[in-house]
Every structure is written in C-alpha cells, then in structure tokens.
Amino acid sequence: MAQPQPTVTPQLAEPKFGFNDYAERLNGRAAMVGFLLALAIEAATGQGLLAWLGLM
C-alpha cells in the first residue's frame, strides 16, 4: 500500500550561514574571476601562475 504524499510544502527560512543559494552563487563567481585572472597572468607573462608566484 502506497503512503500518502504531503499536500503542503513547509516554508523554511533561508539559513544565514552555511550552504545557501547566495553563498554558493558568490563562491562560483569568485572562482570564475580567479580562473580568468590566472589565465590572464599566464598569457601576459608567458609563464604559469606557480612560476609567476615564485613557487616553481
């Protein structure tokens, strides 16, 4: 026998900390900007990011 499905979805408050939509969107945008900056540094200097930072 199948269990009945709920008819009402609870309205939960968006969490202020942790994994919420705004934080995930912001992290994704920051990662994209960082990746583009790494590509720009590599194109401008002719060497990789680690070499440019003096780590290699």
C-alpha atoms as a PDB file:
ATOM      1  CA  MET A   1       0.000   0.000   0.000  1.00  0.00           C
ATOM      2  CA  ALA A   2       1.437   3.376  -1.032  1.00  0.00           C
ATOM      3  CA  GLN A   3       1.931   6.058   1.564  1.00  0.00           C
ATOM      4  CA  PRO A   4       0.070   9.338   1.033  1.00  0.00           C
ATOM      5  CA  GLN A   5       2.127  12.304  -0.159  1.00  0.00           C
ATOM      6  CA  PRO A   6       2.042  15.602   1.761  1.00  0.00           C
ATOM      7  CA  THR A   7      -0.121  18.297   0.231  1.00  0.00           C
ATOM      8  CA  VAL A   8       1.658  21.324   1.725  1.00  0.00           C
ATOM      9  CA  THR A   9       5.352  22.222   1.376  1.00  0.00           C
ATOM     10  CA  PRO A  10       6.810  23.777   4.533  1.00  0.00           C
ATOM     11  CA  GLN A  11       8.062  27.362   4.157  1.00  0.00           C
ATOM     12  CA  LEU A  12      11.513  27.215   5.756  1.00  0.00           C
ATOM     13  CA  ALA A  13      13.610  30.326   6.350  1.00  0.00           C
ATOM     14  CA  GLU A  14      16.801  30.654   4.301  1.00  0.00           C
ATOM     15  CA  PRO A  15      19.807  29.935   6.559  1.00  0.00           C
ATOM     16  CA  LYS A  16      22.045  32.905   7.340  1.00  0.00           C
ATOM     17  CA  PHE A  17      25.254  30.816   7.404  1.00  0.00           C
ATOM     18  CA  GLY A  18      26.467  27.740   5.566  1.00  0.00           C
ATOM     19  CA  PHE A  19      25.315  26.412   2.219  1.00  0.00           C
ATOM     20  CA  ASN A  20      22.659  28.765   0.948  1.00  0.00           C
ATOM     21  CA  ASP A  21      21.916  29.952  -2.584  1.00  0.00           C
ATOM     22  CA  TYR A  22      23.598  33.337  -2.215  1.00  0.00           C
ATOM     23  CA  ALA A  23      26.836  31.918  -0.774  1.00  0.00           C
ATOM     24  CA  GLU A  24      27.084  29.270  -3.493  1.00  0.00           C
ATOM     25  CA  ARG A  25      26.472  31.830  -6.249  1.00  0.00           C
ATOM     26  CA  LEU A  26      29.092  34.175  -4.784  1.00  0.00           C
ATOM     27  CA  ASN A  27      31.671  31.368  -4.472  1.00  0.00           C
ATOM     28  CA  GLY A  28      31.077  30.325  -8.057  1.00  0.00           C
ATOM     29  CA  ARG A  29      31.530  33.851  -9.356  1.00  0.00           C
ATOM     30  CA  ALA A  30      34.719  34.328  -7.335  1.00  0.00           C
ATOM     31  CA  ALA A  31      36.105  31.065  -8.725  1.00  0.00           C
ATOM     32  CA  MET A  32      35.353  32.172 -12.301  1.00  0.00           C
ATOM     33  CA  VAL A  33      37.074  35.524 -11.761  1.00  0.00           C
ATOM     34  CA  GLY A  34      40.106  33.809 -10.199  1.00  0.00           C
ATOM     35  CA  PHE A  35      40.381  31.369 -13.097  1.00  0.00           C
ATOM     36  CA  LEU A  36      40.205  34.185 -15.653  1.00  0.00           C
ATOM     37  CA  LEU A  37      42.855  36.146 -13.744  1.00  0.00           C
ATOM     38  CA  ALA A  38      45.135  33.088 -13.708  1.00  0.00           C
ATOM     39  CA  LEU A  39      44.713  32.735 -17.489  1.00  0.00           C
ATOM     40  CA  ALA A  40      45.394  36.453 -17.983  1.00  0.00           C
ATOM     41  CA  ILE A  41      48.579  36.291 -15.874  1.00  0.00           C
ATOM     42  CA  GLU A  42      49.768  33.271 -17.825  1.00  0.00           C
ATOM     43  CA  ALA A  43      49.085  34.991 -21.162  1.00  0.00           C
ATOM     44  CA  ALA A  44      50.728  38.258 -20.103  1.00  0.00           C
ATOM     45  CA  THR A  45      53.880  36.804 -18.536  1.00  0.00           C
ATOM     46  CA  GLY A  46      54.386  33.693 -20.662  1.00  0.00           C
ATOM     47  CA  GLN A  47      54.792  31.507 -17.604  1.00  0.00           C
ATOM     48  CA  GLY A  48      52.422  29.612 -15.368  1.00  0.00           C
ATOM     49  CA  LEU A  49      50.855  31.004 -12.224  1.00  0.00           C
ATOM     50  CA  LEU A  50      53.075  28.988  -9.868  1.00  0.00           C
ATOM     51  CA  ALA A  51      56.229  30.172 -11.668  1.00  0.00           C
ATOM     52  CA  TRP A  52      54.962  33.758 -11.611  1.00  0.00           C
ATOM     53  CA  LEU A  53      54.455  33.476  -7.849  1.00  0.00           C
ATOM     54  CA  GLY A  54      57.977  32.051  -7.446  1.00  0.00           C
ATOM     55  CA  LEU A  55      56.796  28.653  -6.220  1.00  0.00           C
ATOM     56  CA  MET A  56      58.453  26.693  -9.049  1.00  0.00           C
END
